[in-house]
Amino acid sequence: MNKKKVVKIIKMGASWCGPCKVFAPTFKKASELPEFKDIEFESIDIEEDESGIVEKLGIRTVPTTILFDENDAPIYKVIGNIPFNDFVKIINTALGKEDKNEEFEEEV
């Protein structure tokens, strides 16, 4: 993964999605960590998306979480529900704070 400045993380889900409901507290807890205070965390319901980002990014599976750089370009994508520590590791890896972990990586 290229190390770029992560400025925004968007979680896409749906109200009917069980894994989305399970991942929601993980996403919220990560958004409250002091080390990520400069990152914007946003949740989008794919069925209520008025911005068009769901279609633009071709989201077909939820939950899908995407990390964006300062140019609003997607740099990292996580599909599915993952444990809190793994999510934090992914963010830190994207920020260049930890070694690359191939097991969780999917560049976009």
PDB file of N, CA and C in Angstrom:
ATOM      1  N   MET A   1       0.851  -1.183   0.000  1.00  0.00           N
ATOM      2  CA  MET A   1       0.000   0.000   0.000  1.00  0.00           C
ATOM      3  C   MET A   1       0.882   1.226   0.000  1.00  0.00           C
ATOM      4  N   ASN A   2       0.549   2.158  -0.877  1.00  0.00           N
ATOM      5  CA  ASN A   2       1.248   3.438  -0.861  1.00  0.00           C
ATOM      6  C   ASN A   2       0.851   4.186   0.392  1.00  0.00           C
ATOM      7  N   LYS A   3       1.847   4.776   1.040  1.00  0.00           N
ATOM      8  CA  LYS A   3       1.547   5.537   2.242  1.00  0.00           C
ATOM      9  C   LYS A   3       1.182   6.953   1.841  1.00  0.00           C
ATOM     10  N   LYS A   4      -0.064   7.301   2.056  1.00  0.00           N
ATOM     11  CA  LYS A   4      -0.575   8.621   1.722  1.00  0.00           C
ATOM     12  C   LYS A   4      -1.322   9.148   2.924  1.00  0.00           C
ATOM     13  N   LYS A   5      -1.585  10.414   2.913  1.00  0.00           N
ATOM     14  CA  LYS A   5      -2.330  11.006   4.012  1.00  0.00           C
ATOM     15  C   LYS A   5      -3.799  10.605   3.893  1.00  0.00           C
ATOM     16  N   VAL A   6      -4.273   9.858   4.863  1.00  0.00           N
ATOM     17  CA  VAL A   6      -5.678   9.465   4.919  1.00  0.00           C
ATOM     18  C   VAL A   6      -6.435  10.617   5.563  1.00  0.00           C
ATOM     19  N   VAL A   7      -7.387  11.177   4.838  1.00  0.00           N
ATOM     20  CA  VAL A   7      -8.146  12.306   5.376  1.00  0.00           C
ATOM     21  C   VAL A   7      -9.615  11.966   5.613  1.00  0.00           C
ATOM     22  N   LYS A   8     -10.076  10.880   4.994  1.00  0.00           N
ATOM     23  CA  LYS A   8     -11.488  10.525   5.144  1.00  0.00           C
ATOM     24  C   LYS A   8     -11.640   9.013   5.049  1.00  0.00           C
ATOM     25  N   ILE A   9     -12.541   8.479   5.876  1.00  0.00           N
ATOM     26  CA  ILE A   9     -12.884   7.059   5.822  1.00  0.00           C
ATOM     27  C   ILE A   9     -14.402   6.969   5.755  1.00  0.00           C
ATOM     28  N   ILE A  10     -14.888   6.311   4.716  1.00  0.00           N
ATOM     29  CA  ILE A  10     -16.331   6.163   4.539  1.00  0.00           C
ATOM     30  C   ILE A  10     -16.707   4.693   4.666  1.00  0.00           C
ATOM     31  N   LYS A  11     -17.686   4.447   5.525  1.00  0.00           N
ATOM     32  CA  LYS A  11     -18.243   3.105   5.688  1.00  0.00           C
ATOM     33  C   LYS A  11     -19.588   3.087   4.980  1.00  0.00           C
ATOM     34  N   MET A  12     -19.738   2.161   4.032  1.00  0.00           N
ATOM     35  CA  MET A  12     -20.994   2.019   3.323  1.00  0.00           C
ATOM     36  C   MET A  12     -21.690   0.756   3.794  1.00  0.00           C
ATOM     37  N   GLY A  13     -22.951   0.915   4.150  1.00  0.00           N
ATOM     38  CA  GLY A  13     -23.714  -0.202   4.675  1.00  0.00           C
ATOM     39  C   GLY A  13     -25.178  -0.042   4.342  1.00  0.00           C
ATOM     40  N   ALA A  14     -26.008  -0.835   5.022  1.00  0.00           N
ATOM     41  CA  ALA A  14     -27.455  -0.785   4.820  1.00  0.00           C
ATOM     42  C   ALA A  14     -28.139  -1.138   6.130  1.00  0.00           C
ATOM     43  N   SER A  15     -29.329  -0.600   6.318  1.00  0.00           N
ATOM     44  CA  SER A  15     -30.053  -0.827   7.570  1.00  0.00           C
ATOM     45  C   SER A  15     -30.410  -2.296   7.775  1.00  0.00           C
ATOM     46  N   TRP A  16     -30.571  -3.051   6.704  1.00  0.00           N
ATOM     47  CA  TRP A  16     -30.947  -4.459   6.783  1.00  0.00           C
ATOM     48  C   TRP A  16     -29.747  -5.400   6.913  1.00  0.00           C
ATOM     49  N   CYS A  17     -28.537  -4.853   6.879  1.00  0.00           N
ATOM     50  CA  CYS A  17     -27.302  -5.642   6.821  1.00  0.00           C
ATOM     51  C   CYS A  17     -26.794  -5.989   8.226  1.00  0.00           C
ATOM     52  N   GLY A  18     -26.831  -7.267   8.573  1.00  0.00           N
ATOM     53  CA  GLY A  18     -26.349  -7.723   9.875  1.00  0.00           C
ATOM     54  C   GLY A  18     -24.876  -7.413  10.121  1.00  0.00           C
ATOM     55  N   PRO A  19     -23.964  -7.781   9.194  1.00  0.00           N
ATOM     56  CA  PRO A  19     -22.556  -7.468   9.403  1.00  0.00           C
ATOM     57  C   PRO A  19     -22.287  -5.961   9.536  1.00  0.00           C
ATOM     58  N   CYS A  20     -23.107  -5.142   8.879  1.00  0.00           N
ATOM     59  CA  CYS A  20     -22.956  -3.680   8.991  1.00  0.00           C
ATOM     60  C   CYS A  20     -23.248  -3.232  10.421  1.00  0.00           C
ATOM     61  N   LYS A  21     -24.278  -3.829  11.013  1.00  0.00           N
ATOM     62  CA  LYS A  21     -24.645  -3.492  12.391  1.00  0.00           C
ATOM     63  C   LYS A  21     -23.562  -3.933  13.366  1.00  0.00           C
ATOM     64  N   VAL A  22     -22.930  -5.054  13.085  1.00  0.00           N
ATOM     65  CA  VAL A  22     -21.861  -5.549  13.943  1.00  0.00           C
ATOM     66  C   VAL A  22     -20.626  -4.663  13.823  1.00  0.00           C
ATOM     67  N   PHE A  23     -20.331  -4.181  12.612  1.00  0.00           N
ATOM     68  CA  PHE A  23     -19.134  -3.364  12.381  1.00  0.00           C
ATOM     69  C   PHE A  23     -19.310  -1.915  12.856  1.00  0.00           C
ATOM     70  N   ALA A  24     -20.535  -1.436  12.977  1.00  0.00           N
ATOM     71  CA  ALA A  24     -20.796  -0.039  13.342  1.00  0.00           C
ATOM     72  C   ALA A  24     -20.091   0.406  14.627  1.00  0.00           C
ATOM     73  N   PRO A  25     -20.126  -0.369  15.723  1.00  0.00           N
ATOM     74  CA  PRO A  25     -19.422   0.066  16.935  1.00  0.00           C
ATOM     75  C   PRO A  25     -17.899   0.123  16.756  1.00  0.00           C
ATOM     76  N   THR A  26     -17.355  -0.773  15.944  1.00  0.00           N
ATOM     77  CA  THR A  26     -15.915  -0.756  15.649  1.00  0.00           C
ATOM     78  C   THR A  26     -15.552   0.530  14.927  1.00  0.00           C
ATOM     79  N   PHE A  27     -16.348   0.892  13.939  1.00  0.00           N
ATOM     80  CA  PHE A  27     -16.116   2.110  13.161  1.00  0.00           C
ATOM     81  C   PHE A  27     -16.205   3.335  14.063  1.00  0.00           C
ATOM     82  N   LYS A  28     -17.222   3.372  14.910  1.00  0.00           N
ATOM     83  CA  LYS A  28     -17.414   4.508  15.826  1.00  0.00           C
ATOM     84  C   LYS A  28     -16.264   4.618  16.810  1.00  0.00           C
ATOM     85  N   LYS A  29     -15.865   3.490  17.387  1.00  0.00           N
ATOM     86  CA  LYS A  29     -14.764   3.489  18.363  1.00  0.00           C
ATOM     87  C   LYS A  29     -13.464   3.984  17.719  1.00  0.00           C
ATOM     88  N   ALA A  30     -13.180   3.542  16.505  1.00  0.00           N
ATOM     89  CA  ALA A  30     -11.973   3.999  15.797  1.00  0.00           C
ATOM     90  C   ALA A  30     -12.050   5.499  15.532  1.00  0.00           C
ATOM     91  N   SER A  31     -13.237   5.993  15.207  1.00  0.00           N
ATOM     92  CA  SER A  31     -13.398   7.421  14.901  1.00  0.00           C
ATOM     93  C   SER A  31     -13.145   8.293  16.126  1.00  0.00           C
ATOM     94  N   GLU A  32     -13.243   7.708  17.307  1.00  0.00           N
ATOM     95  CA  GLU A  32     -13.068   8.459  18.545  1.00  0.00           C
ATOM     96  C   GLU A  32     -11.632   8.400  19.087  1.00  0.00           C
ATOM     97  N   LEU A  33     -10.763   7.645  18.427  1.00  0.00           N
ATOM     98  CA  LEU A  33      -9.376   7.552  18.898  1.00  0.00           C
ATOM     99  C   LEU A  33      -8.640   8.867  18.641  1.00  0.00           C
ATOM    100  N   PRO A  34      -7.905   9.354  19.630  1.00  0.00           N
ATOM    101  CA  PRO A  34      -7.191  10.633  19.474  1.00  0.00           C
ATOM    102  C   PRO A  34      -6.225  10.644  18.294  1.00  0.00           C
ATOM    103  N   GLU A  35      -5.599   9.512  17.999  1.00  0.00           N
ATOM    104  CA  GLU A  35      -4.624   9.474  16.899  1.00  0.00           C
ATOM    105  C   GLU A  35      -5.275   9.633  15.523  1.00  0.00           C
ATOM    106  N   PHE A  36      -6.601   9.498  15.466  1.00  0.00           N
ATOM    107  CA  PHE A  36      -7.300   9.648  14.194  1.00  0.00           C
ATOM    108  C   PHE A  36      -8.173  10.910  14.184  1.00  0.00           C
ATOM    109  N   LYS A  37      -7.892  11.853  15.050  1.00  0.00           N
ATOM    110  CA  LYS A  37      -8.724  13.059  15.191  1.00  0.00           C
ATOM    111  C   LYS A  37      -8.751  13.916  13.925  1.00  0.00           C
ATOM    112  N   ASP A  38      -7.726  13.801  13.080  1.00  0.00           N
ATOM    113  CA  ASP A  38      -7.681  14.594  11.854  1.00  0.00           C
ATOM    114  C   ASP A  38      -8.312  13.884  10.663  1.00  0.00           C
ATOM    115  N   ILE A  39      -8.877  12.708  10.890  1.00  0.00           N
ATOM    116  CA  ILE A  39      -9.524  11.943   9.823  1.00  0.00           C
ATOM    117  C   ILE A  39     -11.040  12.078   9.965  1.00  0.00           C
ATOM    118  N   GLU A  40     -11.703  12.367   8.856  1.00  0.00           N
ATOM    119  CA  GLU A  40     -13.168  12.448   8.849  1.00  0.00           C
ATOM    120  C   GLU A  40     -13.733  11.046   8.656  1.00  0.00           C
ATOM    121  N   PHE A  41     -14.592  10.618   9.563  1.00  0.00           N
ATOM    122  CA  PHE A  41     -15.267   9.322   9.472  1.00  0.00           C
ATOM    123  C   PHE A  41     -16.719   9.585   9.079  1.00  0.00           C
ATOM    124  N   GLU A  42     -17.184   8.863   8.060  1.00  0.00           N
ATOM    125  CA  GLU A  42     -18.544   9.075   7.560  1.00  0.00           C
ATOM    126  C   GLU A  42     -19.195   7.726   7.267  1.00  0.00           C
ATOM    127  N   SER A  43     -20.473   7.619   7.579  1.00  0.00           N
ATOM    128  CA  SER A  43     -21.241   6.413   7.263  1.00  0.00           C
ATOM    129  C   SER A  43     -22.310   6.764   6.242  1.00  0.00           C
ATOM    130  N   ILE A  44     -22.449   5.898   5.254  1.00  0.00           N
ATOM    131  CA  ILE A  44     -23.448   6.109   4.206  1.00  0.00           C
ATOM    132  C   ILE A  44     -24.294   4.849   4.068  1.00  0.00           C
ATOM    133  N   ASP A  45     -25.619   5.022   4.104  1.00  0.00           N
ATOM    134  CA  ASP A  45     -26.544   3.935   3.815  1.00  0.00           C
ATOM    135  C   ASP A  45     -26.665   3.855   2.294  1.00  0.00           C
ATOM    136  N   ILE A  46     -26.324   2.723   1.725  1.00  0.00           N
ATOM    137  CA  ILE A  46     -26.293   2.611   0.259  1.00  0.00           C
ATOM    138  C   ILE A  46     -27.649   2.853  -0.382  1.00  0.00           C
ATOM    139  N   GLU A  47     -28.725   2.633   0.370  1.00  0.00           N
ATOM    140  CA  GLU A  47     -30.057   2.830  -0.187  1.00  0.00           C
ATOM    141  C   GLU A  47     -30.539   4.265  -0.064  1.00  0.00           C
ATOM    142  N   GLU A  48     -29.791   5.082   0.672  1.00  0.00           N
ATOM    143  CA  GLU A  48     -30.178   6.476   0.844  1.00  0.00           C
ATOM    144  C   GLU A  48     -29.111   7.433   0.326  1.00  0.00           C
ATOM    145  N   ASP A  49     -28.132   6.910  -0.394  1.00  0.00           N
ATOM    146  CA  ASP A  49     -27.027   7.724  -0.897  1.00  0.00           C
ATOM    147  C   ASP A  49     -27.505   8.694  -1.959  1.00  0.00           C
ATOM    148  N   GLU A  50     -27.407   9.974  -1.653  1.00  0.00           N
ATOM    149  CA  GLU A  50     -27.770  11.010  -2.621  1.00  0.00           C
ATOM    150  C   GLU A  50     -26.544  11.607  -3.296  1.00  0.00           C
ATOM    151  N   SER A  51     -25.362  11.277  -2.783  1.00  0.00           N
ATOM    152  CA  SER A  51     -24.128  11.848  -3.333  1.00  0.00           C
ATOM    153  C   SER A  51     -23.671  11.136  -4.604  1.00  0.00           C
ATOM    154  N   GLY A  52     -24.127   9.902  -4.794  1.00  0.00           N
ATOM    155  CA  GLY A  52     -23.719   9.134  -5.974  1.00  0.00           C
ATOM    156  C   GLY A  52     -22.428   8.363  -5.779  1.00  0.00           C
ATOM    157  N   ILE A  53     -21.830   8.436  -4.576  1.00  0.00           N
ATOM    158  CA  ILE A  53     -20.542   7.778  -4.353  1.00  0.00           C
ATOM    159  C   ILE A  53     -20.642   6.260  -4.419  1.00  0.00           C
ATOM    160  N   VAL A  54     -21.764   5.714  -3.986  1.00  0.00           N
ATOM    161  CA  VAL A  54     -21.946   4.265  -4.014  1.00  0.00           C
ATOM    162  C   VAL A  54     -21.872   3.763  -5.454  1.00  0.00           C
ATOM    163  N   GLU A  55     -22.592   4.434  -6.339  1.00  0.00           N
ATOM    164  CA  GLU A  55     -22.559   4.056  -7.757  1.00  0.00           C
ATOM    165  C   GLU A  55     -21.196   4.340  -8.372  1.00  0.00           C
ATOM    166  N   LYS A  56     -20.632   5.495  -8.061  1.00  0.00           N
ATOM    167  CA  LYS A  56     -19.334   5.894  -8.615  1.00  0.00           C
ATOM    168  C   LYS A  56     -18.246   4.870  -8.280  1.00  0.00           C
ATOM    169  N   LEU A  57     -18.281   4.356  -7.054  1.00  0.00           N
ATOM    170  CA  LEU A  57     -17.263   3.404  -6.621  1.00  0.00           C
ATOM    171  C   LEU A  57     -17.653   1.952  -6.893  1.00  0.00           C
ATOM    172  N   GLY A  58     -18.854   1.729  -7.411  1.00  0.00           N
ATOM    173  CA  GLY A  58     -19.296   0.381  -7.747  1.00  0.00           C
ATOM    174  C   GLY A  58     -19.462  -0.526  -6.539  1.00  0.00           C
ATOM    175  N   ILE A  59     -19.987   0.025  -5.451  1.00  0.00           N
ATOM    176  CA  ILE A  59     -20.157  -0.748  -4.226  1.00  0.00           C
ATOM    177  C   ILE A  59     -21.292  -1.754  -4.416  1.00  0.00           C
ATOM    178  N   ARG A  60     -20.962  -3.038  -4.226  1.00  0.00           N
ATOM    179  CA  ARG A  60     -21.957  -4.089  -4.379  1.00  0.00           C
ATOM    180  C   ARG A  60     -22.068  -4.958  -3.140  1.00  0.00           C
ATOM    181  N   THR A  61     -21.093  -4.824  -2.245  1.00  0.00           N
ATOM    182  CA  THR A  61     -21.065  -5.632  -1.033  1.00  0.00           C
ATOM    183  C   THR A  61     -20.980  -4.702   0.164  1.00  0.00           C
ATOM    184  N   VAL A  62     -21.755  -4.999   1.210  1.00  0.00           N
ATOM    185  CA  VAL A  62     -21.699  -4.197   2.420  1.00  0.00           C
ATOM    186  C   VAL A  62     -21.459  -5.105   3.624  1.00  0.00           C
ATOM    187  N   PRO A  63     -20.762  -4.602   4.633  1.00  0.00           N
ATOM    188  CA  PRO A  63     -20.173  -3.269   4.666  1.00  0.00           C
ATOM    189  C   PRO A  63     -18.900  -3.197   3.816  1.00  0.00           C
ATOM    190  N   THR A  64     -18.703  -2.051   3.204  1.00  0.00           N
ATOM    191  CA  THR A  64     -17.462  -1.726   2.517  1.00  0.00           C
ATOM    192  C   THR A  64     -16.968  -0.417   3.107  1.00  0.00           C
ATOM    193  N   THR A  65     -15.715  -0.409   3.507  1.00  0.00           N
ATOM    194  CA  THR A  65     -15.109   0.779   4.098  1.00  0.00           C
ATOM    195  C   THR A  65     -13.933   1.184   3.232  1.00  0.00           C
ATOM    196  N   ILE A  66     -13.894   2.467   2.864  1.00  0.00           N
ATOM    197  CA  ILE A  66     -12.840   2.958   1.975  1.00  0.00           C
ATOM    198  C   ILE A  66     -12.120   4.125   2.620  1.00  0.00           C
ATOM    199  N   LEU A  67     -10.788   4.087   2.535  1.00  0.00           N
ATOM    200  CA  LEU A  67      -9.942   5.175   3.013  1.00  0.00           C
ATOM    201  C   LEU A  67      -9.603   6.047   1.816  1.00  0.00           C
ATOM    202  N   PHE A  68      -9.718   7.365   1.995  1.00  0.00           N
ATOM    203  CA  PHE A  68      -9.467   8.326   0.928  1.00  0.00           C
ATOM    204  C   PHE A  68      -8.293   9.230   1.282  1.00  0.00           C
ATOM    205  N   ASP A  69      -7.558   9.656   0.261  1.00  0.00           N
ATOM    206  CA  ASP A  69      -6.444  10.579   0.482  1.00  0.00           C
ATOM    207  C   ASP A  69      -6.912  12.025   0.342  1.00  0.00           C
ATOM    208  N   GLU A  70      -5.959  12.946   0.429  1.00  0.00           N
ATOM    209  CA  GLU A  70      -6.278  14.372   0.391  1.00  0.00           C
ATOM    210  C   GLU A  70      -6.856  14.831  -0.956  1.00  0.00           C
ATOM    211  N   ASN A  71      -6.706  14.023  -1.994  1.00  0.00           N
ATOM    212  CA  ASN A  71      -7.283  14.347  -3.304  1.00  0.00           C
ATOM    213  C   ASN A  71      -8.640  13.677  -3.504  1.00  0.00           C
ATOM    214  N   ASP A  72      -9.189  13.129  -2.424  1.00  0.00           N
ATOM    215  CA  ASP A  72     -10.466  12.415  -2.452  1.00  0.00           C
ATOM    216  C   ASP A  72     -10.400  11.153  -3.315  1.00  0.00           C
ATOM    217  N   ALA A  73      -9.191  10.619  -3.462  1.00  0.00           N
ATOM    218  CA  ALA A  73      -9.003   9.384  -4.216  1.00  0.00           C
ATOM    219  C   ALA A  73      -8.998   8.199  -3.256  1.00  0.00           C
ATOM    220  N   PRO A  74      -9.721   7.124  -3.589  1.00  0.00           N
ATOM    221  CA  PRO A  74      -9.697   5.945  -2.728  1.00  0.00           C
ATOM    222  C   PRO A  74      -8.322   5.293  -2.759  1.00  0.00           C
ATOM    223  N   ILE A  75      -7.788   4.967  -1.582  1.00  0.00           N
ATOM    224  CA  ILE A  75      -6.466   4.355  -1.525  1.00  0.00           C
ATOM    225  C   ILE A  75      -6.476   2.978  -0.869  1.00  0.00           C
ATOM    226  N   TYR A  76      -7.576   2.615  -0.227  1.00  0.00           N
ATOM    227  CA  TYR A  76      -7.614   1.349   0.492  1.00  0.00           C
ATOM    228  C   TYR A  76      -9.073   0.960   0.716  1.00  0.00           C
ATOM    229  N   LYS A  77      -9.378  -0.313   0.512  1.00  0.00           N
ATOM    230  CA  LYS A  77     -10.762  -0.769   0.663  1.00  0.00           C
ATOM    231  C   LYS A  77     -10.810  -2.016   1.532  1.00  0.00           C
ATOM    232  N   VAL A  78     -11.749  -2.023   2.467  1.00  0.00           N
ATOM    233  CA  VAL A  78     -11.991  -3.172   3.329  1.00  0.00           C
ATOM    234  C   VAL A  78     -13.427  -3.620   3.079  1.00  0.00           C
ATOM    235  N   ILE A  79     -13.600  -4.892   2.740  1.00  0.00           N
ATOM    236  CA  ILE A  79     -14.936  -5.427   2.524  1.00  0.00           C
ATOM    237  C   ILE A  79     -15.260  -6.375   3.667  1.00  0.00           C
ATOM    238  N   GLY A  80     -16.389  -6.135   4.299  1.00  0.00           N
ATOM    239  CA  GLY A  80     -16.843  -7.006   5.371  1.00  0.00           C
ATOM    240  C   GLY A  80     -16.588  -6.433   6.752  1.00  0.00           C
ATOM    241  N   ASN A  81     -17.004  -7.206   7.723  1.00  0.00           N
ATOM    242  CA  ASN A  81     -16.855  -6.857   9.125  1.00  0.00           C
ATOM    243  C   ASN A  81     -15.501  -7.372   9.603  1.00  0.00           C
ATOM    244  N   ILE A  82     -14.716  -6.513  10.231  1.00  0.00           N
ATOM    245  CA  ILE A  82     -13.420  -6.937  10.755  1.00  0.00           C
ATOM    246  C   ILE A  82     -13.303  -6.495  12.210  1.00  0.00           C
ATOM    247  N   PRO A  83     -12.470  -7.170  12.993  1.00  0.00           N
ATOM    248  CA  PRO A  83     -12.286  -6.792  14.387  1.00  0.00           C
ATOM    249  C   PRO A  83     -11.646  -5.403  14.522  1.00  0.00           C
ATOM    250  N   PHE A  84     -11.901  -4.779  15.659  1.00  0.00           N
ATOM    251  CA  PHE A  84     -11.400  -3.431  15.933  1.00  0.00           C
ATOM    252  C   PHE A  84      -9.890  -3.320  15.734  1.00  0.00           C
ATOM    253  N   ASN A  85      -9.118  -4.228  16.341  1.00  0.00           N
ATOM    254  CA  ASN A  85      -7.653  -4.132  16.247  1.00  0.00           C
ATOM    255  C   ASN A  85      -7.170  -4.226  14.805  1.00  0.00           C
ATOM    256  N   ASP A  86      -7.829  -5.052  14.002  1.00  0.00           N
ATOM    257  CA  ASP A  86      -7.457  -5.162  12.586  1.00  0.00           C
ATOM    258  C   ASP A  86      -7.786  -3.874  11.836  1.00  0.00           C
ATOM    259  N   PHE A  87      -8.928  -3.267  12.153  1.00  0.00           N
ATOM    260  CA  PHE A  87      -9.311  -2.015  11.503  1.00  0.00           C
ATOM    261  C   PHE A  87      -8.310  -0.912  11.832  1.00  0.00           C
ATOM    262  N   VAL A  88      -7.927  -0.808  13.095  1.00  0.00           N
ATOM    263  CA  VAL A  88      -6.941   0.197  13.507  1.00  0.00           C
ATOM    264  C   VAL A  88      -5.606  -0.062  12.814  1.00  0.00           C
ATOM    265  N   LYS A  89      -5.227  -1.327  12.707  1.00  0.00           N
ATOM    266  CA  LYS A  89      -3.967  -1.678  12.034  1.00  0.00           C
ATOM    267  C   LYS A  89      -4.001  -1.260  10.567  1.00  0.00           C
ATOM    268  N   ILE A  90      -5.140  -1.455   9.923  1.00  0.00           N
ATOM    269  CA  ILE A  90      -5.291  -1.062   8.515  1.00  0.00           C
ATOM    270  C   ILE A  90      -5.114   0.451   8.371  1.00  0.00           C
ATOM    271  N   ILE A  91      -5.750   1.214   9.246  1.00  0.00           N
ATOM    272  CA  ILE A  91      -5.630   2.675   9.177  1.00  0.00           C
ATOM    273  C   ILE A  91      -4.184   3.089   9.421  1.00  0.00           C
ATOM    274  N   ASN A  92      -3.561   2.517  10.434  1.00  0.00           N
ATOM    275  CA  ASN A  92      -2.171   2.850  10.734  1.00  0.00           C
ATOM    276  C   ASN A  92      -1.234   2.472   9.599  1.00  0.00           C
ATOM    277  N   THR A  93      -1.495   1.332   8.957  1.00  0.00           N
ATOM    278  CA  THR A  93      -0.688   0.911   7.815  1.00  0.00           C
ATOM    279  C   THR A  93      -0.822   1.924   6.679  1.00  0.00           C
ATOM    280  N   ALA A  94      -2.047   2.361   6.430  1.00  0.00           N
ATOM    281  CA  ALA A  94      -2.286   3.355   5.379  1.00  0.00           C
ATOM    282  C   ALA A  94      -1.573   4.668   5.697  1.00  0.00           C
ATOM    283  N   LEU A  95      -1.467   4.982   6.977  1.00  0.00           N
ATOM    284  CA  LEU A  95      -0.789   6.207   7.400  1.00  0.00           C
ATOM    285  C   LEU A  95       0.721   6.039   7.477  1.00  0.00           C
ATOM    286  N   GLY A  96       1.212   4.810   7.237  1.00  0.00           N
ATOM    287  CA  GLY A  96       2.646   4.556   7.297  1.00  0.00           C
ATOM    288  C   GLY A  96       3.157   4.351   8.702  1.00  0.00           C
ATOM    289  N   LYS A  97       2.269   4.065   9.642  1.00  0.00           N
ATOM    290  CA  LYS A  97       2.665   3.911  11.039  1.00  0.00           C
ATOM    291  C   LYS A  97       2.975   2.467  11.416  1.00  0.00           C
ATOM    292  N   GLU A  98       2.621   1.516  10.569  1.00  0.00           N
ATOM    293  CA  GLU A  98       2.898   0.110  10.849  1.00  0.00           C
ATOM    294  C   GLU A  98       3.333  -0.561   9.559  1.00  0.00           C
ATOM    295  N   ASP A  99       3.943  -1.736   9.718  1.00  0.00           N
ATOM    296  CA  ASP A  99       4.362  -2.493   8.552  1.00  0.00           C
ATOM    297  C   ASP A  99       3.152  -2.955   7.764  1.00  0.00           C
ATOM    298  N   LYS A 100       3.368  -3.162   6.496  1.00  0.00           N
ATOM    299  CA  LYS A 100       2.330  -3.640   5.598  1.00  0.00           C
ATOM    300  C   LYS A 100       1.829  -5.002   6.054  1.00  0.00           C
ATOM    301  N   ASN A 101       0.536  -5.206   6.010  1.00  0.00           N
ATOM    302  CA  ASN A 101      -0.057  -6.476   6.393  1.00  0.00           C
ATOM    303  C   ASN A 101      -0.895  -6.962   5.226  1.00  0.00           C
ATOM    304  N   GLU A 102      -0.328  -7.837   4.419  1.00  0.00           N
ATOM    305  CA  GLU A 102      -0.963  -8.297   3.179  1.00  0.00           C
ATOM    306  C   GLU A 102      -2.309  -8.964   3.412  1.00  0.00           C
ATOM    307  N   GLU A 103      -2.487  -9.584   4.582  1.00  0.00           N
ATOM    308  CA  GLU A 103      -3.705 -10.342   4.831  1.00  0.00           C
ATOM    309  C   GLU A 103      -4.955  -9.477   4.716  1.00  0.00           C
ATOM    310  N   PHE A 104      -4.852  -8.203   5.084  1.00  0.00           N
ATOM    311  CA  PHE A 104      -6.036  -7.354   5.120  1.00  0.00           C
ATOM    312  C   PHE A 104      -6.066  -6.340   3.985  1.00  0.00           C
ATOM    313  N   GLU A 105      -5.090  -6.368   3.134  1.00  0.00           N
ATOM    314  CA  GLU A 105      -4.941  -5.278   2.178  1.00  0.00           C
ATOM    315  C   GLU A 105      -5.677  -5.524   0.866  1.00  0.00           C
ATOM    316  N   GLU A 106      -6.336  -4.488   0.418  1.00  0.00           N
ATOM    317  CA  GLU A 106      -6.882  -4.472  -0.932  1.00  0.00           C
ATOM    318  C   GLU A 106      -6.793  -3.041  -1.406  1.00  0.00           C
ATOM    319  N   GLU A 107      -5.824  -2.788  -2.268  1.00  0.00           N
ATOM    320  CA  GLU A 107      -5.725  -1.431  -2.806  1.00  0.00           C
ATOM    321  C   GLU A 107      -6.793  -1.239  -3.855  1.00  0.00           C
ATOM    322  N   VAL A 108      -7.188   0.004  -4.028  1.00  0.00           N
ATOM    323  CA  VAL A 108      -8.210   0.304  -5.036  1.00  0.00           C
ATOM    324  C   VAL A 108      -7.637   1.191  -6.098  1.00  0.00           C
TER     325      VAL A 108
END
